[in-house]
Amino acid sequence: MPKAAIGKRLLLRKLGFRTLMDVIPLDASLVRGSHGRLTDRDEDGPLVITDQPRLLRGDRIAAVDVKQLLLDAVFA
């Protein structure tokens, strides 16, 4: 009942009590949707716009290679 927990904490805040707003669970299994899902078509994959063409090693980039590309952009 996350809405009830949020409501309780908001009510306590309105009444002047100090309370920690720790209402977001850290359980990753609660995440729903397409987070991390690979696309069925390459055209629907990641889009990379950069002013550093040396980072791109071809016309296409796999979705699983985006992390390394970002690390190279920041730390290389």
N, C-alpha and C. Protein backbone atom coordinates (compact mmCIF):
# COMPACT_ATOMS: atom_id res chain seq x y z
N MET A 1 0.83 -1.19 0.00
CA MET A 1 0.00 0.00 0.00
C MET A 1 0.88 1.25 0.00
N PRO A 2 1.59 1.48 -1.11
CA PRO A 2 2.51 2.63 -1.14
C PRO A 2 1.80 3.98 -1.05
N LYS A 3 0.59 4.08 -1.61
CA LYS A 3 -0.12 5.37 -1.55
C LYS A 3 -0.48 5.73 -0.11
N ALA A 4 -0.84 4.74 0.68
CA ALA A 4 -1.16 4.99 2.09
C ALA A 4 0.09 5.43 2.85
N ALA A 5 1.22 4.81 2.56
CA ALA A 5 2.48 5.18 3.23
C ALA A 5 2.87 6.61 2.87
N ILE A 6 2.69 6.97 1.61
CA ILE A 6 3.02 8.34 1.18
C ILE A 6 2.07 9.33 1.85
N GLY A 7 0.78 8.97 1.87
CA GLY A 7 -0.21 9.85 2.50
C GLY A 7 0.08 10.07 3.96
N LYS A 8 0.44 9.01 4.66
CA LYS A 8 0.77 9.12 6.09
C LYS A 8 1.95 10.06 6.30
N ARG A 9 2.96 9.90 5.49
CA ARG A 9 4.15 10.75 5.66
C ARG A 9 3.85 12.20 5.31
N LEU A 10 3.05 12.43 4.27
CA LEU A 10 2.68 13.80 3.92
C LEU A 10 1.85 14.44 5.02
N LEU A 11 0.94 13.66 5.61
CA LEU A 11 0.13 14.18 6.72
C LEU A 11 1.01 14.56 7.90
N LEU A 12 1.98 13.70 8.23
CA LEU A 12 2.90 14.01 9.32
C LEU A 12 3.67 15.30 9.04
N ARG A 13 4.09 15.48 7.78
CA ARG A 13 4.81 16.71 7.41
C ARG A 13 3.92 17.93 7.57
N LYS A 14 2.66 17.82 7.14
CA LYS A 14 1.71 18.94 7.25
C LYS A 14 1.44 19.30 8.71
N LEU A 15 1.49 18.30 9.59
CA LEU A 15 1.26 18.54 11.01
C LEU A 15 2.50 19.08 11.71
N GLY A 16 3.60 19.20 10.99
CA GLY A 16 4.80 19.78 11.56
C GLY A 16 5.85 18.79 12.02
N PHE A 17 5.57 17.51 11.89
CA PHE A 17 6.54 16.51 12.29
C PHE A 17 7.63 16.38 11.23
N ARG A 18 8.81 16.06 11.69
CA ARG A 18 9.88 15.75 10.75
C ARG A 18 9.83 14.26 10.46
N THR A 19 9.83 13.93 9.19
CA THR A 19 9.76 12.52 8.82
C THR A 19 10.58 12.28 7.56
N LEU A 20 11.14 11.11 7.47
CA LEU A 20 11.93 10.74 6.31
C LEU A 20 11.00 10.25 5.21
N MET A 21 11.13 10.79 4.01
CA MET A 21 10.26 10.41 2.89
C MET A 21 10.87 9.22 2.14
N ASP A 22 11.04 8.11 2.83
CA ASP A 22 11.64 6.92 2.23
C ASP A 22 10.54 5.99 1.72
N VAL A 23 9.83 6.43 0.70
CA VAL A 23 8.68 5.66 0.22
C VAL A 23 8.98 4.91 -1.07
N ILE A 24 10.16 5.08 -1.63
CA ILE A 24 10.53 4.38 -2.86
C ILE A 24 11.29 3.13 -2.48
N PRO A 25 10.75 1.95 -2.83
CA PRO A 25 11.44 0.71 -2.46
C PRO A 25 12.70 0.51 -3.29
N LEU A 26 13.64 -0.21 -2.73
CA LEU A 26 14.89 -0.49 -3.43
C LEU A 26 14.89 -1.87 -4.10
N ASP A 27 13.73 -2.51 -4.13
CA ASP A 27 13.60 -3.83 -4.74
C ASP A 27 13.50 -3.69 -6.25
N ALA A 28 14.52 -4.12 -6.99
CA ALA A 28 14.56 -3.96 -8.44
C ALA A 28 13.54 -4.82 -9.15
N SER A 29 13.01 -5.84 -8.50
CA SER A 29 12.01 -6.69 -9.16
C SER A 29 10.68 -5.96 -9.35
N LEU A 30 10.50 -4.82 -8.70
CA LEU A 30 9.27 -4.06 -8.85
C LEU A 30 9.25 -3.19 -10.10
N VAL A 31 10.39 -3.06 -10.77
CA VAL A 31 10.48 -2.25 -11.98
C VAL A 31 9.79 -3.00 -13.10
N ARG A 32 8.85 -2.33 -13.76
CA ARG A 32 8.12 -2.94 -14.86
C ARG A 32 8.36 -2.13 -16.12
N GLY A 33 8.05 -2.72 -17.24
CA GLY A 33 8.15 -2.01 -18.50
C GLY A 33 9.27 -2.56 -19.36
N SER A 34 9.83 -1.70 -20.16
CA SER A 34 10.82 -2.15 -21.14
C SER A 34 12.25 -1.79 -20.75
N HIS A 35 12.50 -1.62 -19.47
CA HIS A 35 13.83 -1.25 -19.01
C HIS A 35 14.85 -2.31 -19.41
N GLY A 36 15.78 -1.95 -20.27
CA GLY A 36 16.84 -2.86 -20.65
C GLY A 36 16.45 -3.85 -21.73
N ARG A 37 15.26 -3.75 -22.27
CA ARG A 37 14.83 -4.69 -23.30
C ARG A 37 15.51 -4.34 -24.62
N LEU A 38 16.06 -5.35 -25.28
CA LEU A 38 16.66 -5.14 -26.59
C LEU A 38 15.55 -5.01 -27.63
N THR A 39 15.75 -4.19 -28.63
CA THR A 39 14.73 -3.95 -29.64
C THR A 39 14.68 -5.08 -30.65
N ASP A 40 13.53 -5.22 -31.28
CA ASP A 40 13.37 -6.24 -32.32
C ASP A 40 14.01 -5.80 -33.64
N ARG A 41 13.99 -4.49 -33.90
CA ARG A 41 14.57 -3.96 -35.14
C ARG A 41 15.73 -3.03 -34.80
N ASP A 42 16.76 -3.07 -35.60
CA ASP A 42 17.93 -2.21 -35.37
C ASP A 42 17.57 -0.73 -35.45
N GLU A 43 16.60 -0.40 -36.29
CA GLU A 43 16.22 1.01 -36.47
C GLU A 43 15.62 1.62 -35.19
N ASP A 44 15.12 0.76 -34.31
CA ASP A 44 14.51 1.23 -33.06
C ASP A 44 15.50 1.26 -31.90
N GLY A 45 16.74 0.99 -32.18
CA GLY A 45 17.77 0.94 -31.15
C GLY A 45 18.22 2.31 -30.71
N PRO A 46 19.32 2.37 -30.00
CA PRO A 46 19.80 3.64 -29.45
C PRO A 46 20.25 4.61 -30.54
N LEU A 47 20.05 5.89 -30.26
CA LEU A 47 20.49 6.95 -31.14
C LEU A 47 21.61 7.69 -30.42
N VAL A 48 22.74 7.81 -31.06
CA VAL A 48 23.88 8.49 -30.45
C VAL A 48 24.21 9.72 -31.28
N ILE A 49 24.20 10.88 -30.62
CA ILE A 49 24.58 12.13 -31.26
C ILE A 49 25.82 12.63 -30.54
N THR A 50 26.89 12.83 -31.28
CA THR A 50 28.14 13.23 -30.65
C THR A 50 28.92 14.16 -31.57
N ASP A 51 29.77 14.97 -30.98
CA ASP A 51 30.68 15.79 -31.77
C ASP A 51 32.07 15.15 -31.80
N GLN A 52 32.16 13.90 -31.33
CA GLN A 52 33.41 13.15 -31.32
C GLN A 52 33.27 11.91 -32.20
N PRO A 53 33.47 12.04 -33.50
CA PRO A 53 33.25 10.91 -34.41
C PRO A 53 34.18 9.73 -34.14
N ARG A 54 35.27 9.94 -33.43
CA ARG A 54 36.19 8.84 -33.12
C ARG A 54 35.54 7.78 -32.23
N LEU A 55 34.48 8.17 -31.51
CA LEU A 55 33.79 7.22 -30.63
C LEU A 55 32.98 6.19 -31.41
N LEU A 56 32.49 6.60 -32.57
CA LEU A 56 31.65 5.72 -33.37
C LEU A 56 32.52 4.91 -34.32
N ARG A 57 32.42 3.61 -34.23
CA ARG A 57 33.28 2.74 -35.03
C ARG A 57 32.55 2.15 -36.23
N GLY A 58 31.43 2.73 -36.60
CA GLY A 58 30.67 2.24 -37.74
C GLY A 58 29.35 2.97 -37.84
N ASP A 59 28.50 2.51 -38.74
CA ASP A 59 27.21 3.16 -38.93
C ASP A 59 26.23 2.81 -37.83
N ARG A 60 26.36 1.63 -37.27
CA ARG A 60 25.41 1.16 -36.26
C ARG A 60 26.14 0.80 -34.97
N ILE A 61 25.39 0.90 -33.88
CA ILE A 61 25.94 0.52 -32.59
C ILE A 61 24.91 -0.38 -31.90
N ALA A 62 25.37 -1.43 -31.31
CA ALA A 62 24.47 -2.34 -30.59
C ALA A 62 24.06 -1.70 -29.26
N ALA A 63 22.85 -2.00 -28.82
CA ALA A 63 22.35 -1.42 -27.57
C ALA A 63 23.24 -1.79 -26.39
N VAL A 64 23.84 -2.96 -26.43
CA VAL A 64 24.69 -3.39 -25.32
C VAL A 64 26.04 -2.68 -25.32
N ASP A 65 26.37 -1.94 -26.37
CA ASP A 65 27.65 -1.23 -26.45
C ASP A 65 27.55 0.23 -26.03
N VAL A 66 26.37 0.69 -25.68
CA VAL A 66 26.18 2.10 -25.32
C VAL A 66 26.95 2.46 -24.06
N LYS A 67 26.94 1.59 -23.07
CA LYS A 67 27.65 1.88 -21.82
C LYS A 67 29.12 2.14 -22.07
N GLN A 68 29.76 1.26 -22.83
CA GLN A 68 31.18 1.42 -23.11
C GLN A 68 31.44 2.68 -23.91
N LEU A 69 30.54 3.03 -24.84
CA LEU A 69 30.70 4.24 -25.62
C LEU A 69 30.65 5.48 -24.71
N LEU A 70 29.74 5.48 -23.76
CA LEU A 70 29.66 6.60 -22.83
C LEU A 70 30.88 6.69 -21.92
N LEU A 71 31.37 5.53 -21.47
CA LEU A 71 32.59 5.54 -20.64
C LEU A 71 33.77 6.05 -21.44
N ASP A 72 33.88 5.65 -22.71
CA ASP A 72 34.96 6.14 -23.56
C ASP A 72 34.85 7.66 -23.77
N ALA A 73 33.64 8.15 -23.91
CA ALA A 73 33.44 9.58 -24.13
C ALA A 73 33.85 10.40 -22.90
N VAL A 74 33.60 9.85 -21.72
CA VAL A 74 33.89 10.59 -20.50
C VAL A 74 35.35 10.44 -20.06
N PHE A 75 35.88 9.21 -20.15
CA PHE A 75 37.19 8.94 -19.56
C PHE A 75 38.33 8.78 -20.55
N ALA A 76 38.04 8.79 -21.84
CA ALA A 76 39.13 8.60 -22.81
C ALA A 76 39.67 9.91 -23.31
